[in-house]
Amino acid sequence: MTSESLTFAKDWGAPDALPEASVAAALDVIRSARLHRYQHADPSTSEVSHLESEFATICNRKYCCAVNSCGSALFLALKGLGVSSGSGVLVNAHTLTPVPSAIVHAQATPVFVESDEMGLLDLRHLASQVSAHPEARVLLLSHMRGRVCDMEEVVRICERSGVVLVEDCAHALGSAWGGRPCGTFGVAACFSAQTNKLVNAGEGGLLVTDDDVLAARAVLHSGSYGFCLTHARAPPEVRSPS
């Protein structure tokens, strides 16, 4: 059989049909005319707040901040950690453009770490880069295609060197290492809700963390306009009107 004779009944480039319940829920939001989360004085009435609460629970994290893309979530995580001009950020050389772009957007410099023969982060090169770049105190680790390197060793390297771990879980919702879910190893994790990801919102990103200060900074940097009361999954001191 030649390649010219192969045919497929399905267009593999076409998206799957949306469930009718999802279509109805989207129409309900449109009909309400409350298209912006800050039009909801009560966070419990906002679909975005429902998403943040449910996703934080799924990820077993205290806080979740939903934004327009995973790239934006990565940027917010870096800004919340104080990454700025002059900082270096360790990152996979094998990743997608939005990841180093988030580093550049934060005015920092990507410090690339090579991959091993399996396409995973080369942990020997990681240790070498940590030593060679004392200005790089954050590791932005992408779990590319949902494949996970030895996270216990990653955590050991980071803790030994004072490097803060942020996980890019755009491809890794549901992946785990040693029975522990991806997104629970670092101070923060960022997920994608883009059309081709495991959660399909067309576009979107979610930052999860247990860190009160990082969560507060993510809310404020995301453009809260001072209306922090509408973030049900923000730290209490941020949601307080005082």
C-alpha atoms as a PDB file:
ATOM      1  CA  MET A   1       0.000   0.000   0.000  1.00  0.00           C
ATOM      2  CA  THR A   2       1.414   3.363  -1.017  1.00  0.00           C
ATOM      3  CA  SER A   3       1.068   6.577   0.983  1.00  0.00           C
ATOM      4  CA  GLU A   4      -1.102   7.993  -1.829  1.00  0.00           C
ATOM      5  CA  SER A   5      -3.759   5.317  -1.191  1.00  0.00           C
ATOM      6  CA  LEU A   6      -4.120   6.018   2.540  1.00  0.00           C
ATOM      7  CA  THR A   7      -7.336   7.755   3.538  1.00  0.00           C
ATOM      8  CA  PHE A   8      -8.807   8.698   6.903  1.00  0.00           C
ATOM      9  CA  ALA A   9     -12.453   8.988   7.831  1.00  0.00           C
ATOM     10  CA  LYS A  10     -11.630  11.788  10.286  1.00  0.00           C
ATOM     11  CA  ASP A  11      -9.978  15.169   9.730  1.00  0.00           C
ATOM     12  CA  TRP A  12      -7.317  14.941  12.445  1.00  0.00           C
ATOM     13  CA  GLY A  13      -6.807  18.701  12.294  1.00  0.00           C
ATOM     14  CA  ALA A  14     -10.434  19.405  13.159  1.00  0.00           C
ATOM     15  CA  PRO A  15     -11.376  19.993  16.815  1.00  0.00           C
ATOM     16  CA  ASP A  16     -13.800  17.674  18.565  1.00  0.00           C
ATOM     17  CA  ALA A  17     -17.357  18.946  18.911  1.00  0.00           C
ATOM     18  CA  LEU A  18     -18.070  20.785  22.158  1.00  0.00           C
ATOM     19  CA  PRO A  19     -20.517  19.127  24.554  1.00  0.00           C
ATOM     20  CA  GLU A  20     -23.945  20.719  24.463  1.00  0.00           C
ATOM     21  CA  ALA A  21     -23.689  21.478  28.174  1.00  0.00           C
ATOM     22  CA  SER A  22     -20.575  23.586  27.484  1.00  0.00           C
ATOM     23  CA  VAL A  23     -22.324  25.462  24.676  1.00  0.00           C
ATOM     24  CA  ALA A  24     -25.322  26.142  26.923  1.00  0.00           C
ATOM     25  CA  ALA A  25     -23.098  27.361  29.764  1.00  0.00           C
ATOM     26  CA  ALA A  26     -21.278  29.766  27.427  1.00  0.00           C
ATOM     27  CA  LEU A  27     -24.577  31.100  26.120  1.00  0.00           C
ATOM     28  CA  ASP A  28     -25.801  31.649  29.686  1.00  0.00           C
ATOM     29  CA  VAL A  29     -22.773  33.851  30.370  1.00  0.00           C
ATOM     30  CA  ILE A  30     -23.275  35.807  27.142  1.00  0.00           C
ATOM     31  CA  ARG A  31     -26.969  36.351  27.853  1.00  0.00           C
ATOM     32  CA  SER A  32     -26.160  37.624  31.355  1.00  0.00           C
ATOM     33  CA  ALA A  33     -24.028  40.401  29.768  1.00  0.00           C
ATOM     34  CA  ARG A  34     -21.623  39.972  32.695  1.00  0.00           C
ATOM     35  CA  LEU A  35     -18.644  39.108  30.521  1.00  0.00           C
ATOM     36  CA  HIS A  36     -15.987  40.451  32.890  1.00  0.00           C
ATOM     37  CA  ARG A  37     -15.219  38.844  36.249  1.00  0.00           C
ATOM     38  CA  TYR A  38     -15.221  42.223  37.999  1.00  0.00           C
ATOM     39  CA  GLN A  39     -18.895  42.735  37.189  1.00  0.00           C
ATOM     40  CA  HIS A  40     -19.637  40.129  39.881  1.00  0.00           C
ATOM     41  CA  ALA A  41     -19.661  41.592  43.390  1.00  0.00           C
ATOM     42  CA  ASP A  42     -20.215  38.081  44.748  1.00  0.00           C
ATOM     43  CA  PRO A  43     -17.356  35.801  43.650  1.00  0.00           C
ATOM     44  CA  SER A  44     -19.613  32.760  43.892  1.00  0.00           C
ATOM     45  CA  THR A  45     -21.611  34.021  40.896  1.00  0.00           C
ATOM     46  CA  SER A  46     -18.585  34.286  38.601  1.00  0.00           C
ATOM     47  CA  GLU A  47     -17.800  31.342  36.341  1.00  0.00           C
ATOM     48  CA  VAL A  48     -14.113  32.319  36.502  1.00  0.00           C
ATOM     49  CA  SER A  49     -14.143  32.056  40.294  1.00  0.00           C
ATOM     50  CA  HIS A  50     -15.859  28.670  40.048  1.00  0.00           C
ATOM     51  CA  LEU A  51     -13.094  27.562  37.690  1.00  0.00           C
ATOM     52  CA  GLU A  52     -10.343  28.835  40.002  1.00  0.00           C
ATOM     53  CA  SER A  53     -11.817  27.123  43.053  1.00  0.00           C
ATOM     54  CA  GLU A  54     -12.398  23.812  41.301  1.00  0.00           C
ATOM     55  CA  PHE A  55      -9.006  23.821  39.589  1.00  0.00           C
ATOM     56  CA  ALA A  56      -7.156  24.636  42.825  1.00  0.00           C
ATOM     57  CA  THR A  57      -8.925  21.692  44.441  1.00  0.00           C
ATOM     58  CA  ILE A  58      -8.027  19.376  41.545  1.00  0.00           C
ATOM     59  CA  CYS A  59      -4.373  20.433  41.822  1.00  0.00           C
ATOM     60  CA  ASN A  60      -4.398  20.203  45.644  1.00  0.00           C
ATOM     61  CA  ARG A  61      -3.204  23.814  45.921  1.00  0.00           C
ATOM     62  CA  LYS A  62      -4.571  26.691  48.035  1.00  0.00           C
ATOM     63  CA  TYR A  63      -4.794  29.345  45.334  1.00  0.00           C
ATOM     64  CA  CYS A  64      -5.526  29.642  41.639  1.00  0.00           C
ATOM     65  CA  CYS A  65      -5.456  32.698  39.382  1.00  0.00           C
ATOM     66  CA  ALA A  66      -7.016  32.337  35.931  1.00  0.00           C
ATOM     67  CA  VAL A  67      -5.648  34.502  33.112  1.00  0.00           C
ATOM     68  CA  ASN A  68      -5.697  34.698  29.322  1.00  0.00           C
ATOM     69  CA  SER A  69      -2.906  32.197  28.598  1.00  0.00           C
ATOM     70  CA  CYS A  70      -0.371  29.866  30.164  1.00  0.00           C
ATOM     71  CA  GLY A  71       2.346  32.216  28.921  1.00  0.00           C
ATOM     72  CA  SER A  72       0.777  35.005  30.964  1.00  0.00           C
ATOM     73  CA  ALA A  73       0.562  32.704  33.984  1.00  0.00           C
ATOM     74  CA  LEU A  74       4.281  31.921  33.655  1.00  0.00           C
ATOM     75  CA  PHE A  75       5.048  35.640  33.440  1.00  0.00           C
ATOM     76  CA  LEU A  76       2.971  36.324  36.567  1.00  0.00           C
ATOM     77  CA  ALA A  77       4.770  33.568  38.455  1.00  0.00           C
ATOM     78  CA  LEU A  78       8.148  35.069  37.560  1.00  0.00           C
ATOM     79  CA  LYS A  79       7.052  38.617  38.426  1.00  0.00           C
ATOM     80  CA  GLY A  80       5.577  37.391  41.689  1.00  0.00           C
ATOM     81  CA  LEU A  81       8.934  35.852  42.583  1.00  0.00           C
ATOM     82  CA  GLY A  82      10.738  39.131  41.965  1.00  0.00           C
ATOM     83  CA  VAL A  83      12.389  38.182  38.673  1.00  0.00           C
ATOM     84  CA  SER A  84      13.480  41.356  36.889  1.00  0.00           C
ATOM     85  CA  SER A  85      16.230  42.943  34.812  1.00  0.00           C
ATOM     86  CA  GLY A  86      19.546  41.302  35.600  1.00  0.00           C
ATOM     87  CA  SER A  87      17.960  38.041  36.709  1.00  0.00           C
ATOM     88  CA  GLY A  88      18.602  34.751  34.989  1.00  0.00           C
ATOM     89  CA  VAL A  89      15.989  32.009  34.741  1.00  0.00           C
ATOM     90  CA  LEU A  90      16.966  28.392  34.109  1.00  0.00           C
ATOM     91  CA  VAL A  91      14.728  26.780  31.493  1.00  0.00           C
ATOM     92  CA  ASN A  92      14.578  23.772  29.176  1.00  0.00           C
ATOM     93  CA  ALA A  93      16.242  24.317  25.812  1.00  0.00           C
ATOM     94  CA  HIS A  94      13.592  21.884  24.520  1.00  0.00           C
ATOM     95  CA  THR A  95      10.371  23.800  25.074  1.00  0.00           C
ATOM     96  CA  LEU A  96       7.941  26.058  23.221  1.00  0.00           C
ATOM     97  CA  THR A  97       8.419  29.749  22.459  1.00  0.00           C
ATOM     98  CA  PRO A  98       5.966  31.127  25.080  1.00  0.00           C
ATOM     99  CA  VAL A  99       8.161  29.777  27.883  1.00  0.00           C
ATOM    100  CA  PRO A 100      11.398  31.705  27.207  1.00  0.00           C
ATOM    101  CA  SER A 101       9.207  34.570  25.982  1.00  0.00           C
ATOM    102  CA  ALA A 102       7.689  34.827  29.476  1.00  0.00           C
ATOM    103  CA  ILE A 103      11.220  35.127  30.857  1.00  0.00           C
ATOM    104  CA  VAL A 104      12.116  37.883  28.393  1.00  0.00           C
ATOM    105  CA  HIS A 105       8.784  39.600  29.111  1.00  0.00           C
ATOM    106  CA  ALA A 106       9.825  39.677  32.784  1.00  0.00           C
ATOM    107  CA  GLN A 107      13.040  41.439  31.619  1.00  0.00           C
ATOM    108  CA  ALA A 108      15.170  38.464  32.626  1.00  0.00           C
ATOM    109  CA  THR A 109      17.566  36.284  30.642  1.00  0.00           C
ATOM    110  CA  PRO A 110      16.878  32.630  29.772  1.00  0.00           C
ATOM    111  CA  VAL A 111      19.635  30.242  30.877  1.00  0.00           C
ATOM    112  CA  PHE A 112      19.050  27.148  28.766  1.00  0.00           C
ATOM    113  CA  VAL A 113      19.451  23.601  30.047  1.00  0.00           C
ATOM    114  CA  GLU A 114      19.943  20.843  27.477  1.00  0.00           C
ATOM    115  CA  SER A 115      17.946  17.631  27.142  1.00  0.00           C
ATOM    116  CA  ASP A 116      19.130  14.076  27.654  1.00  0.00           C
ATOM    117  CA  GLU A 117      18.772  11.260  25.108  1.00  0.00           C
ATOM    118  CA  MET A 118      15.131  10.789  26.172  1.00  0.00           C
ATOM    119  CA  GLY A 119      14.240  14.419  25.509  1.00  0.00           C
ATOM    120  CA  LEU A 120      13.955  15.136  29.243  1.00  0.00           C
ATOM    121  CA  LEU A 121      15.811  17.841  31.154  1.00  0.00           C
ATOM    122  CA  ASP A 122      19.471  16.826  31.471  1.00  0.00           C
ATOM    123  CA  LEU A 123      19.961  16.934  35.229  1.00  0.00           C
ATOM    124  CA  ARG A 124      23.745  16.883  34.985  1.00  0.00           C
ATOM    125  CA  HIS A 125      23.621  19.940  32.739  1.00  0.00           C
ATOM    126  CA  LEU A 126      21.100  21.530  35.115  1.00  0.00           C
ATOM    127  CA  ALA A 127      23.523  21.155  38.034  1.00  0.00           C
ATOM    128  CA  SER A 128      26.311  22.586  35.865  1.00  0.00           C
ATOM    129  CA  GLN A 129      24.214  25.585  34.783  1.00  0.00           C
ATOM    130  CA  VAL A 130      23.133  26.272  38.368  1.00  0.00           C
ATOM    131  CA  SER A 131      26.805  26.488  39.378  1.00  0.00           C
ATOM    132  CA  ALA A 132      27.800  28.557  36.347  1.00  0.00           C
ATOM    133  CA  HIS A 133      24.977  31.088  36.671  1.00  0.00           C
ATOM    134  CA  PRO A 134      24.610  32.372  40.255  1.00  0.00           C
ATOM    135  CA  GLU A 135      22.288  35.105  38.947  1.00  0.00           C
ATOM    136  CA  ALA A 136      19.727  32.435  37.971  1.00  0.00           C
ATOM    137  CA  ARG A 137      17.764  31.581  41.104  1.00  0.00           C
ATOM    138  CA  VAL A 138      14.585  30.321  39.402  1.00  0.00           C
ATOM    139  CA  LEU A 139      14.091  27.143  37.359  1.00  0.00           C
ATOM    140  CA  LEU A 140      11.150  27.277  34.957  1.00  0.00           C
ATOM    141  CA  LEU A 141      10.767  23.575  34.159  1.00  0.00           C
ATOM    142  CA  SER A 142       8.590  22.493  31.229  1.00  0.00           C
ATOM    143  CA  HIS A 143       7.103  18.998  31.347  1.00  0.00           C
ATOM    144  CA  MET A 144       7.166  18.719  27.574  1.00  0.00           C
ATOM    145  CA  ARG A 145       4.502  16.456  26.039  1.00  0.00           C
ATOM    146  CA  GLY A 146       3.539  15.360  29.544  1.00  0.00           C
ATOM    147  CA  ARG A 147       6.821  13.504  30.044  1.00  0.00           C
ATOM    148  CA  VAL A 148       8.434  13.947  33.441  1.00  0.00           C
ATOM    149  CA  CYS A 149      12.087  13.822  34.484  1.00  0.00           C
ATOM    150  CA  ASP A 150      13.312  12.689  37.916  1.00  0.00           C
ATOM    151  CA  MET A 151      11.519  15.307  40.012  1.00  0.00           C
ATOM    152  CA  GLU A 152      13.049  14.133  43.273  1.00  0.00           C
ATOM    153  CA  GLU A 153      16.503  14.918  41.879  1.00  0.00           C
ATOM    154  CA  VAL A 154      15.292  18.237  40.448  1.00  0.00           C
ATOM    155  CA  VAL A 155      13.998  19.244  43.877  1.00  0.00           C
ATOM    156  CA  ARG A 156      17.289  18.157  45.500  1.00  0.00           C
ATOM    157  CA  ILE A 157      19.329  20.262  43.067  1.00  0.00           C
ATOM    158  CA  CYS A 158      17.079  23.279  43.596  1.00  0.00           C
ATOM    159  CA  GLU A 159      17.001  23.039  47.381  1.00  0.00           C
ATOM    160  CA  ARG A 160      20.757  22.494  47.591  1.00  0.00           C
ATOM    161  CA  SER A 161      21.412  25.584  45.473  1.00  0.00           C
ATOM    162  CA  GLY A 162      18.646  27.901  46.673  1.00  0.00           C
ATOM    163  CA  VAL A 163      16.854  27.783  43.319  1.00  0.00           C
ATOM    164  CA  VAL A 164      13.078  28.272  43.270  1.00  0.00           C
ATOM    165  CA  LEU A 165      11.160  25.808  41.083  1.00  0.00           C
ATOM    166  CA  VAL A 166       8.217  26.845  38.886  1.00  0.00           C
ATOM    167  CA  GLU A 167       6.539  24.118  36.819  1.00  0.00           C
ATOM    168  CA  ASP A 168       5.204  24.672  33.317  1.00  0.00           C
ATOM    169  CA  CYS A 169       2.433  22.070  33.226  1.00  0.00           C
ATOM    170  CA  ALA A 170       0.828  23.151  29.953  1.00  0.00           C
ATOM    171  CA  HIS A 171       1.242  19.564  28.696  1.00  0.00           C
ATOM    172  CA  ALA A 172       1.209  17.796  32.043  1.00  0.00           C
ATOM    173  CA  LEU A 173      -2.231  17.945  33.630  1.00  0.00           C
ATOM    174  CA  GLY A 174      -2.646  14.415  35.037  1.00  0.00           C
ATOM    175  CA  SER A 175       1.041  13.478  34.749  1.00  0.00           C
ATOM    176  CA  ALA A 176       2.904  12.416  37.894  1.00  0.00           C
ATOM    177  CA  TRP A 177       6.284  11.355  39.242  1.00  0.00           C
ATOM    178  CA  GLY A 178       6.396   8.659  41.900  1.00  0.00           C
ATOM    179  CA  GLY A 179       2.659   8.986  42.410  1.00  0.00           C
ATOM    180  CA  ARG A 180       2.914  12.724  43.066  1.00  0.00           C
ATOM    181  CA  PRO A 181       1.110  14.953  40.530  1.00  0.00           C
ATOM    182  CA  CYS A 182       3.023  17.401  38.390  1.00  0.00           C
ATOM    183  CA  GLY A 183       2.304  20.911  39.580  1.00  0.00           C
ATOM    184  CA  THR A 184       2.898  20.086  43.255  1.00  0.00           C
ATOM    185  CA  PHE A 185       6.724  20.055  43.278  1.00  0.00           C
ATOM    186  CA  GLY A 186       7.398  23.765  42.796  1.00  0.00           C
ATOM    187  CA  VAL A 187       6.338  26.954  44.545  1.00  0.00           C
ATOM    188  CA  ALA A 188       3.956  27.494  41.626  1.00  0.00           C
ATOM    189  CA  ALA A 189       2.681  25.684  38.557  1.00  0.00           C
ATOM    190  CA  CYS A 190       1.073  26.987  35.387  1.00  0.00           C
ATOM    191  CA  PHE A 191      -1.430  25.157  33.202  1.00  0.00           C
ATOM    192  CA  SER A 192      -2.908  25.815  29.770  1.00  0.00           C
ATOM    193  CA  ALA A 193      -6.558  25.868  28.702  1.00  0.00           C
ATOM    194  CA  GLN A 194      -5.771  26.409  25.033  1.00  0.00           C
ATOM    195  CA  THR A 195      -7.811  24.456  22.480  1.00  0.00           C
ATOM    196  CA  ASN A 196      -5.310  21.625  22.015  1.00  0.00           C
ATOM    197  CA  LYS A 197      -4.679  21.087  25.720  1.00  0.00           C
ATOM    198  CA  LEU A 198      -6.395  18.757  28.198  1.00  0.00           C
ATOM    199  CA  VAL A 199      -8.758  21.528  29.318  1.00  0.00           C
ATOM    200  CA  ASN A 200     -10.211  23.283  26.266  1.00  0.00           C
ATOM    201  CA  ALA A 201     -11.406  26.842  26.859  1.00  0.00           C
ATOM    202  CA  GLY A 202     -10.242  28.033  23.452  1.00  0.00           C
ATOM    203  CA  GLU A 203      -7.522  29.963  25.245  1.00  0.00           C
ATOM    204  CA  GLY A 204      -6.553  30.522  28.862  1.00  0.00           C
ATOM    205  CA  GLY A 205      -4.056  29.818  31.592  1.00  0.00           C
ATOM    206  CA  LEU A 206      -4.096  29.011  35.307  1.00  0.00           C
ATOM    207  CA  LEU A 207      -1.478  29.677  37.971  1.00  0.00           C
ATOM    208  CA  VAL A 208      -1.676  27.584  41.151  1.00  0.00           C
ATOM    209  CA  THR A 209       0.346  27.993  44.339  1.00  0.00           C
ATOM    210  CA  ASP A 210       0.253  27.584  48.109  1.00  0.00           C
ATOM    211  CA  ASP A 211       2.307  30.747  48.651  1.00  0.00           C
ATOM    212  CA  ASP A 212       0.236  33.633  50.056  1.00  0.00           C
ATOM    213  CA  VAL A 213       2.497  36.400  48.759  1.00  0.00           C
ATOM    214  CA  LEU A 214       2.900  34.911  45.288  1.00  0.00           C
ATOM    215  CA  ALA A 215      -0.860  34.396  45.004  1.00  0.00           C
ATOM    216  CA  ALA A 216      -1.522  37.998  46.040  1.00  0.00           C
ATOM    217  CA  ARG A 217       1.010  39.344  43.565  1.00  0.00           C
ATOM    218  CA  ALA A 218      -0.451  37.213  40.766  1.00  0.00           C
ATOM    219  CA  VAL A 219      -3.907  38.650  41.423  1.00  0.00           C
ATOM    220  CA  LEU A 220      -2.627  42.220  41.479  1.00  0.00           C
ATOM    221  CA  HIS A 221      -0.338  41.878  38.454  1.00  0.00           C
ATOM    222  CA  SER A 222      -3.123  40.176  36.480  1.00  0.00           C
ATOM    223  CA  GLY A 223      -4.997  43.491  36.409  1.00  0.00           C
ATOM    224  CA  SER A 224      -7.287  43.301  39.419  1.00  0.00           C
ATOM    225  CA  TYR A 225      -7.886  47.077  39.391  1.00  0.00           C
ATOM    226  CA  GLY A 226      -8.193  46.864  43.153  1.00  0.00           C
ATOM    227  CA  PHE A 227     -11.283  44.644  43.018  1.00  0.00           C
ATOM    228  CA  CYS A 228      -9.643  41.781  44.883  1.00  0.00           C
ATOM    229  CA  LEU A 229     -12.946  40.886  46.535  1.00  0.00           C
ATOM    230  CA  THR A 230     -13.904  39.140  43.307  1.00  0.00           C
ATOM    231  CA  HIS A 231     -11.040  36.629  43.611  1.00  0.00           C
ATOM    232  CA  ALA A 232     -12.457  33.883  45.783  1.00  0.00           C
ATOM    233  CA  ARG A 233      -9.155  32.002  45.698  1.00  0.00           C
ATOM    234  CA  ALA A 234      -6.962  34.957  46.708  1.00  0.00           C
ATOM    235  CA  PRO A 235      -5.364  35.124  50.170  1.00  0.00           C
ATOM    236  CA  PRO A 236      -7.743  36.551  52.810  1.00  0.00           C
ATOM    237  CA  GLU A 237      -5.662  39.678  53.419  1.00  0.00           C
ATOM    238  CA  VAL A 238      -5.872  40.500  49.705  1.00  0.00           C
ATOM    239  CA  ARG A 239      -9.642  39.976  49.593  1.00  0.00           C
ATOM    240  CA  SER A 240     -10.180  42.164  52.666  1.00  0.00           C
ATOM    241  CA  PRO A 241     -11.525  45.663  51.771  1.00  0.00           C
ATOM    242  CA  SER A 242      -9.211  47.111  54.451  1.00  0.00           C
END
